[in-house]
């Protein structure tokens, strides 16, 4: 089996796991409060990553990586695995899972602007036009099933876009930092988890949960979070960026299929059009990047 084939297989497995997050989140927040879900996910993800390091006898790399970037890991962990996680779960409390998935997937569009703002990456007019096209799709999605003046809907939209923004910032930060994947991801998870635990006086935490709920948060923390991230990073090292980006475009589509099959949420025609516009804009960005 060639590295290219292995990389494609790793990428497909990773995006398939990523696609189950929306359905898992929606089920979890219907049984527990969102804060408890993200804390338990952080605990299970950290335990899984520590287990991987222990099995590979690489525990010593944790402090080695931290000494090299003592500010980066706490800051990025709080943004991407603390603030972003809270906003993400709250989104599913406000709006249907199918809307949340599509709105969250605007983060690749936001990454363009953040990369230019913080790291001075040049953005040409074609890329900017793709961003504008993508947000046209977002507007179509947002106005489906309600009006912008609907307070409940507006809160959900703001939280969803806040989730996309925080994850875009997280992606931009880790893109420009070179670190060992598993030790680095462990540190990011630990600092995100510590941030969440500091919020206990504000949010209600459910330490005692049923066996069914524990299995659900264990799945969300281990597979779509820890394992999928490891597989995705292996894929990035084995296949071209253009191909891995095309695999990433499968996430919202597979997510909506999963939501439709498990949660029985109906996808409205205008929602499908809105999602298609967003995906087309991202696809054009990928193709343009591949020509450079």
Protein backbone atom coordinates (compact mmCIF):
# COMPACT_ATOMS: atom_id res chain seq x y z
CA UNK A 1 0.00 0.00 0.00
CA UNK A 2 1.54 3.33 -1.10
CA UNK A 3 1.81 6.39 1.17
CA UNK A 4 -0.59 8.23 -1.13
CA UNK A 5 -3.22 5.51 -0.72
CA UNK A 6 -2.65 5.36 3.05
CA UNK A 7 -2.91 9.14 3.29
CA UNK A 8 -6.20 9.15 1.39
CA UNK A 9 -7.53 6.40 3.66
CA UNK A 10 -6.48 8.31 6.80
CA UNK A 11 -8.13 11.47 5.45
CA UNK A 12 -11.37 9.65 4.66
CA UNK A 13 -11.48 8.07 8.13
CA UNK A 14 -10.79 11.44 9.76
CA UNK A 15 -13.50 13.37 7.89
CA UNK A 16 -15.98 10.57 8.55
CA UNK A 17 -15.33 10.96 12.29
CA UNK A 18 -15.49 14.76 12.06
CA UNK A 19 -18.87 14.43 10.35
CA UNK A 20 -20.40 12.68 13.39
CA UNK A 21 -19.70 15.63 15.69
CA UNK A 22 -22.84 17.58 14.77
CA UNK A 23 -25.19 14.68 15.47
CA UNK A 24 -23.30 13.72 18.63
CA UNK A 25 -23.37 17.30 19.92
CA UNK A 26 -27.09 17.64 19.28
CA UNK A 27 -27.86 14.41 21.14
CA UNK A 28 -25.51 15.31 24.00
CA UNK A 29 -26.98 18.79 24.65
CA UNK A 30 -30.47 17.31 24.70
CA UNK A 31 -29.40 15.14 27.66
CA UNK A 32 -26.83 17.35 29.44
CA UNK A 33 -25.96 21.04 29.61
CA UNK A 34 -23.41 22.19 27.04
CA UNK A 35 -20.73 23.07 29.61
CA UNK A 36 -20.74 19.55 31.05
CA UNK A 37 -20.45 18.07 27.56
CA UNK A 38 -17.37 20.11 26.61
CA UNK A 39 -15.65 19.41 29.95
CA UNK A 40 -16.21 15.66 29.68
CA UNK A 41 -15.04 15.76 26.04
CA UNK A 42 -11.87 17.57 27.12
CA UNK A 43 -11.22 14.99 29.83
CA UNK A 44 -11.65 12.02 27.49
CA UNK A 45 -9.61 13.64 24.68
CA UNK A 46 -6.76 14.40 27.09
CA UNK A 47 -6.82 10.88 28.53
CA UNK A 48 -6.78 9.37 25.03
CA UNK A 49 -3.85 11.52 23.90
CA UNK A 50 -1.93 10.79 27.12
CA UNK A 51 -2.57 7.10 26.51
CA UNK A 52 -1.11 7.39 22.98
CA UNK A 53 2.00 9.13 24.37
CA UNK A 54 2.37 6.53 27.10
CA UNK A 55 2.11 3.67 24.60
CA UNK A 56 4.75 5.30 22.37
CA UNK A 57 6.95 6.18 25.39
CA UNK A 58 6.95 9.88 24.47
CA UNK A 59 5.76 11.40 27.77
CA UNK A 60 9.01 13.36 28.06
CA UNK A 61 8.09 15.28 24.90
CA UNK A 62 5.24 17.07 26.70
CA UNK A 63 7.53 19.34 28.74
CA UNK A 64 9.98 19.62 25.85
CA UNK A 65 7.26 21.01 23.57
CA UNK A 66 5.89 23.29 26.29
CA UNK A 67 9.31 24.86 27.03
CA UNK A 68 9.63 25.77 23.37
CA UNK A 69 6.23 27.54 23.27
CA UNK A 70 5.12 28.46 26.83
CA UNK A 71 2.70 31.15 25.62
CA UNK A 72 1.40 29.57 22.42
CA UNK A 73 -0.04 26.37 23.92
CA UNK A 74 -2.08 28.09 26.69
CA UNK A 75 -3.36 30.82 24.35
CA UNK A 76 -4.23 28.53 21.44
CA UNK A 77 -5.70 25.89 23.77
CA UNK A 78 -8.03 28.40 25.42
CA UNK A 79 -9.15 29.80 22.04
CA UNK A 80 -9.59 26.55 20.11
CA UNK A 81 -10.45 23.99 22.79
CA UNK A 82 -11.99 26.24 25.43
CA UNK A 83 -13.91 29.22 24.06
CA UNK A 84 -14.65 27.54 20.73
CA UNK A 85 -15.99 24.40 22.40
CA UNK A 86 -18.41 26.34 24.61
CA UNK A 87 -19.71 28.38 21.67
CA UNK A 88 -20.01 25.27 19.50
CA UNK A 89 -22.14 23.35 22.00
CA UNK A 90 -24.32 26.39 22.75
CA UNK A 91 -25.03 26.70 19.02
CA UNK A 92 -26.80 23.33 19.09
CA UNK A 93 -29.00 24.58 21.95
CA UNK A 94 -30.23 27.54 19.87
CA UNK A 95 -30.60 26.33 16.28
CA UNK A 96 -31.17 23.04 14.37
CA UNK A 97 -28.09 20.87 13.87
CA UNK A 98 -28.24 21.22 10.06
CA UNK A 99 -27.96 25.02 10.29
CA UNK A 100 -25.21 24.80 12.92
CA UNK A 101 -23.07 22.49 10.78
CA UNK A 102 -23.22 24.75 7.73
CA UNK A 103 -22.60 27.96 9.68
CA UNK A 104 -19.65 26.40 11.50
CA UNK A 105 -18.16 25.47 8.14
CA UNK A 106 -17.64 29.12 7.24
CA UNK A 107 -14.36 28.93 9.17
CA UNK A 108 -12.19 28.29 6.04
CA UNK A 109 -13.46 31.59 4.64
CA UNK A 110 -12.58 33.44 7.85
CA UNK A 111 -9.11 31.86 7.87
CA UNK A 112 -8.21 33.82 4.72
CA UNK A 113 -8.86 37.14 6.39
CA UNK A 114 -7.20 36.18 9.69
CA UNK A 115 -4.08 34.87 7.92
CA UNK A 116 -3.73 38.20 6.16
CA UNK A 117 -4.41 40.20 9.33
CA UNK A 118 -2.02 38.37 11.67
CA UNK A 119 0.59 36.86 9.35
CA UNK A 120 0.40 39.20 6.33
CA UNK A 121 -0.41 36.40 3.90
CA UNK A 122 -1.36 37.98 0.59
CA UNK A 123 -4.97 37.57 -0.55
CA UNK A 124 -5.79 38.23 -4.18
CA UNK A 125 -9.07 39.53 -5.57
CA UNK A 126 -10.22 36.05 -6.65
CA UNK A 127 -9.88 34.80 -3.06
CA UNK A 128 -11.73 37.84 -1.71
CA UNK A 129 -14.52 37.23 -4.21
CA UNK A 130 -14.74 33.65 -2.98
CA UNK A 131 -15.11 34.94 0.58
CA UNK A 132 -17.92 37.24 -0.52
CA UNK A 133 -19.61 34.38 -2.40
CA UNK A 134 -19.34 32.17 0.68
CA UNK A 135 -21.07 34.71 2.88
CA UNK A 136 -23.86 35.01 0.31
CA UNK A 137 -24.44 31.33 1.00
CA UNK A 138 -24.46 32.06 4.73
CA UNK A 139 -27.09 34.78 4.27
CA UNK A 140 -29.28 32.36 2.28
CA UNK A 141 -28.93 29.80 5.05
CA UNK A 142 -29.61 32.29 7.85
CA UNK A 143 -32.81 33.60 6.31
CA UNK A 144 -34.20 30.08 5.74
CA UNK A 145 -37.01 29.20 8.14
CA UNK A 146 -37.11 32.59 9.79
CA UNK A 147 -36.22 36.25 9.52
CA UNK A 148 -33.18 38.11 10.78
CA UNK A 149 -35.32 39.90 13.31
CA UNK A 150 -36.16 36.66 15.13
CA UNK A 151 -34.31 37.04 18.49
CA UNK A 152 -33.84 33.33 19.17
CA UNK A 153 -32.55 32.75 15.65
CA UNK A 154 -30.25 35.79 15.83
CA UNK A 155 -28.59 34.55 19.04
CA UNK A 156 -27.99 31.15 17.49
CA UNK A 157 -26.49 32.70 14.36
CA UNK A 158 -24.15 34.96 16.33
CA UNK A 159 -22.97 32.06 18.50
CA UNK A 160 -22.47 29.82 15.43
CA UNK A 161 -20.42 32.47 13.61
CA UNK A 162 -18.46 33.09 16.83
CA UNK A 163 -17.66 29.37 16.87
CA UNK A 164 -16.44 29.52 13.28
CA UNK A 165 -14.32 32.61 14.01
CA UNK A 166 -12.65 31.12 17.09
CA UNK A 167 -11.89 27.85 15.26
CA UNK A 168 -10.54 29.80 12.25
CA UNK A 169 -8.22 31.73 14.58
CA UNK A 170 -7.15 28.46 16.23
CA UNK A 171 -6.37 26.90 12.81
CA UNK A 172 -4.38 29.94 11.70
CA UNK A 173 -2.33 29.89 14.93
CA UNK A 174 -1.46 26.18 14.75
CA UNK A 175 -0.79 26.41 11.01
CA UNK A 176 2.09 28.78 11.67
CA UNK A 177 3.51 26.84 14.63
CA UNK A 178 5.60 23.71 14.14
CA UNK A 179 5.19 21.11 16.89
CA UNK A 180 4.95 17.35 17.38
CA UNK A 181 1.32 16.40 16.75
CA UNK A 182 0.34 14.19 19.71
CA UNK A 183 2.30 16.02 22.48
CA UNK A 184 1.17 19.36 21.06
CA UNK A 185 -2.46 18.30 20.85
CA UNK A 186 -2.27 16.98 24.41
CA UNK A 187 -1.00 20.35 25.66
CA UNK A 188 -3.68 22.24 23.70
CA UNK A 189 -6.38 19.99 25.19
CA UNK A 190 -5.02 20.31 28.73
CA UNK A 191 -4.98 24.11 28.65
CA UNK A 192 -8.42 24.20 27.04
CA UNK A 193 -9.69 21.88 29.78
CA UNK A 194 -8.09 23.95 32.57
CA UNK A 195 -9.77 27.06 31.16
CA UNK A 196 -13.15 25.29 31.17
CA UNK A 197 -12.67 24.06 34.75
CA UNK A 198 -11.96 27.65 35.86
CA UNK A 199 -15.47 28.55 34.63
CA UNK A 200 -17.21 26.14 37.02
CA UNK A 201 -18.38 28.95 39.34
CA UNK A 202 -20.27 30.42 36.35
CA UNK A 203 -21.59 27.29 34.64
CA UNK A 204 -23.30 24.24 36.08
CA UNK A 205 -21.20 21.07 35.88
CA UNK A 206 -22.71 17.58 35.94
CA UNK A 207 -20.09 15.24 37.40
CA UNK A 208 -22.59 12.44 37.94
CA UNK A 209 -23.98 11.24 34.59
CA UNK A 210 -25.52 8.01 33.32
CA UNK A 211 -23.48 5.25 31.69
CA UNK A 212 -25.13 6.06 28.35
CA UNK A 213 -24.14 9.73 28.57
CA UNK A 214 -20.60 8.77 29.61
CA UNK A 215 -20.27 6.54 26.54
CA UNK A 216 -21.50 9.39 24.34
CA UNK A 217 -19.04 12.02 25.66
CA UNK A 218 -16.25 9.40 25.63
CA UNK A 219 -16.93 8.79 21.94
CA UNK A 220 -16.99 12.53 21.18
CA UNK A 221 -13.76 13.16 23.08
CA UNK A 222 -11.80 10.16 21.83
CA UNK A 223 -12.79 9.60 18.20
CA UNK A 224 -13.94 12.85 16.46
CA UNK A 225 -11.52 14.86 18.62
CA UNK A 226 -8.32 12.96 19.53
CA UNK A 227 -8.17 10.09 17.01
CA UNK A 228 -9.50 12.10 14.04
CA UNK A 229 -6.96 14.87 14.66
CA UNK A 230 -4.10 12.34 14.66
CA UNK A 231 -5.34 10.68 11.46
CA UNK A 232 -5.82 14.05 9.77
CA UNK A 233 -2.29 15.15 10.57
CA UNK A 234 -0.91 11.86 9.24
CA UNK A 235 -2.91 12.40 6.06
CA UNK A 236 -1.50 15.92 5.62
CA UNK A 237 2.01 14.46 5.66
CA UNK A 238 1.23 11.82 3.01
CA UNK A 239 -0.96 13.52 0.42
CA UNK A 240 -0.94 16.93 -1.34
CA UNK A 241 -2.69 19.82 0.37
CA UNK A 242 -5.13 20.18 -2.53
CA UNK A 243 -6.33 16.61 -2.12
CA UNK A 244 -6.65 16.87 1.68
CA UNK A 245 -8.65 20.09 1.28
CA UNK A 246 -11.01 18.34 -1.10
CA UNK A 247 -11.51 15.60 1.51
CA UNK A 248 -12.33 18.33 4.06
CA UNK A 249 -15.16 19.50 1.82
CA UNK A 250 -16.88 16.18 2.53
CA UNK A 251 -17.36 17.06 6.24
CA UNK A 252 -20.49 19.26 6.01
CA UNK A 253 -22.07 16.98 3.41
CA UNK A 254 -21.51 13.85 5.50
CA UNK A 255 -22.63 15.76 8.60
CA UNK A 256 -25.96 16.66 7.03
CA UNK A 257 -26.45 13.06 5.86
CA UNK A 258 -25.79 11.86 9.42
CA UNK A 259 -28.14 14.48 10.89
CA UNK A 260 -30.89 13.54 8.45
CA UNK A 261 -30.56 9.80 9.15
CA UNK A 262 -30.15 9.95 12.94
CA UNK A 263 -31.97 13.11 14.05
CA UNK A 264 -34.59 13.06 11.26
CA UNK A 265 -34.13 16.79 10.65
CA UNK A 266 -35.44 17.85 7.26
CA UNK A 267 -33.09 19.75 4.96
CA UNK A 268 -35.02 22.57 3.28
CA UNK A 269 -34.28 23.32 -0.41
CA UNK A 270 -32.97 26.81 0.41
CA UNK A 271 -30.65 25.33 3.05
CA UNK A 272 -29.23 22.99 0.42
CA UNK A 273 -28.71 25.97 -1.91
CA UNK A 274 -27.01 27.97 0.86
CA UNK A 275 -24.71 25.08 1.69
CA UNK A 276 -23.93 24.55 -2.00
CA UNK A 277 -22.91 28.20 -2.40
CA UNK A 278 -20.59 27.98 0.63
CA UNK A 279 -19.04 24.73 -0.62
CA UNK A 280 -18.58 26.13 -4.13
CA UNK A 281 -16.75 29.16 -2.74
CA UNK A 282 -14.45 26.94 -0.66
CA UNK A 283 -13.87 24.60 -3.61
CA UNK A 284 -12.87 27.53 -5.85
CA UNK A 285 -10.45 28.68 -3.13
CA UNK A 286 -8.88 25.22 -3.05
CA UNK A 287 -8.51 25.14 -6.83
CA UNK A 288 -6.99 28.61 -6.91
CA UNK A 289 -4.53 27.65 -4.16
CA UNK A 290 -3.54 24.55 -6.12
CA UNK A 291 -2.51 26.63 -9.14
CA UNK A 292 -0.04 28.75 -7.24
